[in-house]
Structure formats: structure tokens, C-alpha cells
Amino acid sequence: MANDKNVYAAIALAIHEHLGNNVHDAESCVITINERNTQWNGFALSMTERP
């Protein structure tokens, strides 16, 4: 009988999330990528084909 309660709880949670009740923030779905100069993309540290 205890397993039945777990199954019902899992089904209820799945329905709850499927209906969209798990969203915390309203997202604009826009990704903004700004280039920043760091040591990882610095020209002096980049590798060349032949030294």
C-alpha cells in the first residue's frame, strides 16, 4: 500500500509540471552573447599553424 501512495504522488507531480506550474521566472528566450577579451581568447596566447 505504501508503494501506491508513491506512485500517485509521482503521477500528481508529473501532471503538475506538465501543466507548466514549475516555472519560476518569465524568460524572454533571447540569448545575448557579448565578446569579452580575456586570456583565453587573447591574440598573444593563440596558437599558430607553424611557429
N, C-alpha and C. Protein backbone atom coordinates (compact mmCIF):
# COMPACT_ATOMS: atom_id res chain seq x y z
N MET A 1 0.80 -1.20 0.00
CA MET A 1 0.00 0.00 0.00
C MET A 1 0.84 1.27 0.00
N ALA A 2 2.02 1.21 0.62
CA ALA A 2 2.87 2.40 0.65
C ALA A 2 3.38 2.74 -0.74
N ASN A 3 3.59 1.71 -1.57
CA ASN A 3 4.06 1.95 -2.93
C ASN A 3 3.00 2.66 -3.76
N ASP A 4 1.72 2.37 -3.49
CA ASP A 4 0.64 3.03 -4.22
C ASP A 4 0.67 4.53 -3.97
N LYS A 5 0.94 4.95 -2.75
CA LYS A 5 0.99 6.37 -2.44
C LYS A 5 2.14 7.04 -3.19
N ASN A 6 3.28 6.35 -3.31
CA ASN A 6 4.41 6.91 -4.04
C ASN A 6 4.10 7.05 -5.53
N VAL A 7 3.41 6.08 -6.08
CA VAL A 7 3.03 6.14 -7.49
C VAL A 7 2.08 7.29 -7.73
N TYR A 8 1.09 7.44 -6.87
CA TYR A 8 0.13 8.54 -7.02
C TYR A 8 0.81 9.90 -6.87
N ALA A 9 1.76 9.98 -5.95
CA ALA A 9 2.48 11.24 -5.76
C ALA A 9 3.33 11.56 -6.99
N ALA A 10 3.97 10.56 -7.58
CA ALA A 10 4.78 10.78 -8.78
C ALA A 10 3.92 11.21 -9.96
N ILE A 11 2.77 10.59 -10.11
CA ILE A 11 1.85 10.97 -11.20
C ILE A 11 1.35 12.39 -11.00
N ALA A 12 0.99 12.75 -9.78
CA ALA A 12 0.50 14.09 -9.50
C ALA A 12 1.58 15.14 -9.78
N LEU A 13 2.82 14.84 -9.40
CA LEU A 13 3.92 15.77 -9.64
C LEU A 13 4.19 15.91 -11.13
N ALA A 14 4.13 14.82 -11.87
CA ALA A 14 4.35 14.87 -13.32
C ALA A 14 3.28 15.71 -14.01
N ILE A 15 2.04 15.55 -13.61
CA ILE A 15 0.94 16.35 -14.18
C ILE A 15 1.12 17.82 -13.82
N HIS A 16 1.50 18.07 -12.58
CA HIS A 16 1.72 19.44 -12.12
C HIS A 16 2.79 20.14 -12.96
N GLU A 17 3.91 19.45 -13.22
CA GLU A 17 4.98 20.04 -14.01
C GLU A 17 4.61 20.13 -15.48
N HIS A 18 3.85 19.17 -15.99
CA HIS A 18 3.43 19.18 -17.39
C HIS A 18 2.52 20.38 -17.68
N LEU A 19 1.73 20.78 -16.72
CA LEU A 19 0.82 21.90 -16.91
C LEU A 19 1.52 23.24 -16.78
N GLY A 20 2.82 23.24 -16.55
CA GLY A 20 3.58 24.48 -16.52
C GLY A 20 3.62 25.16 -15.17
N ASN A 21 3.38 24.44 -14.13
CA ASN A 21 3.36 25.04 -12.80
C ASN A 21 4.73 25.03 -12.14
N ASN A 22 5.77 24.79 -12.88
CA ASN A 22 7.11 24.72 -12.30
C ASN A 22 8.00 25.86 -12.77
N VAL A 23 7.44 26.88 -13.40
CA VAL A 23 8.21 27.99 -13.93
C VAL A 23 8.37 29.05 -12.84
N HIS A 24 9.63 29.44 -12.61
CA HIS A 24 9.89 30.44 -11.57
C HIS A 24 10.04 31.84 -12.16
N ASP A 25 10.64 31.95 -13.34
CA ASP A 25 10.90 33.24 -13.95
C ASP A 25 10.30 33.28 -15.34
N ALA A 26 9.87 34.47 -15.75
CA ALA A 26 9.41 34.65 -17.12
C ALA A 26 10.63 34.94 -17.99
N GLU A 27 10.94 34.05 -18.90
CA GLU A 27 12.12 34.18 -19.75
C GLU A 27 11.73 34.78 -21.10
N SER A 28 12.62 35.59 -21.65
CA SER A 28 12.36 36.20 -22.95
C SER A 28 12.81 35.31 -24.10
N CYS A 29 13.54 34.24 -23.80
CA CYS A 29 14.05 33.30 -24.80
C CYS A 29 15.00 33.97 -25.79
N VAL A 30 15.70 35.01 -25.36
CA VAL A 30 16.67 35.70 -26.18
C VAL A 30 18.04 35.50 -25.54
N ILE A 31 18.98 35.00 -26.33
CA ILE A 31 20.34 34.79 -25.83
C ILE A 31 21.22 35.91 -26.37
N THR A 32 21.87 36.62 -25.48
CA THR A 32 22.75 37.71 -25.86
C THR A 32 24.18 37.30 -25.56
N ILE A 33 25.03 37.35 -26.58
CA ILE A 33 26.43 36.98 -26.41
C ILE A 33 27.27 38.21 -26.68
N ASN A 34 27.95 38.67 -25.67
CA ASN A 34 28.86 39.81 -25.81
C ASN A 34 30.29 39.30 -25.72
N GLU A 35 31.13 39.75 -26.66
CA GLU A 35 32.52 39.31 -26.67
C GLU A 35 33.30 40.06 -25.60
N ARG A 36 34.04 39.31 -24.82
CA ARG A 36 34.89 39.89 -23.79
C ARG A 36 36.31 39.40 -24.03
N ASN A 37 37.25 40.30 -23.94
CA ASN A 37 38.65 39.91 -24.10
C ASN A 37 39.18 39.38 -22.78
N THR A 38 39.63 38.15 -22.82
CA THR A 38 40.21 37.50 -21.65
C THR A 38 41.51 36.84 -22.07
N GLN A 39 42.18 36.19 -21.16
CA GLN A 39 43.41 35.49 -21.51
C GLN A 39 43.12 34.27 -22.38
N TRP A 40 41.89 33.76 -22.35
CA TRP A 40 41.56 32.58 -23.14
C TRP A 40 41.45 32.91 -24.63
N ASN A 41 41.01 34.13 -24.98
CA ASN A 41 40.87 34.47 -26.39
C ASN A 41 41.84 35.58 -26.81
N GLY A 42 42.90 35.81 -26.05
CA GLY A 42 43.87 36.84 -26.37
C GLY A 42 44.70 36.46 -27.60
N PHE A 43 45.02 37.46 -28.41
CA PHE A 43 45.77 37.22 -29.65
C PHE A 43 47.18 36.69 -29.33
N ALA A 44 47.82 37.22 -28.31
CA ALA A 44 49.19 36.82 -27.99
C ALA A 44 49.28 35.37 -27.53
N LEU A 45 48.20 34.83 -27.00
CA LEU A 45 48.21 33.46 -26.50
C LEU A 45 47.67 32.45 -27.50
N SER A 46 47.22 32.91 -28.65
CA SER A 46 46.65 31.99 -29.62
C SER A 46 47.75 31.18 -30.30
N MET A 47 47.39 29.98 -30.73
CA MET A 47 48.37 29.10 -31.36
C MET A 47 48.38 29.34 -32.86
N THR A 48 49.54 29.20 -33.46
CA THR A 48 49.66 29.35 -34.91
C THR A 48 49.87 27.96 -35.52
N GLU A 49 49.71 27.89 -36.85
CA GLU A 49 49.87 26.60 -37.53
C GLU A 49 51.32 26.13 -37.45
N ARG A 50 52.26 27.05 -37.71
CA ARG A 50 53.68 26.71 -37.66
C ARG A 50 54.42 27.82 -36.93
N PRO A 51 55.17 27.48 -35.92
CA PRO A 51 55.89 28.50 -35.15
C PRO A 51 57.02 29.15 -35.93
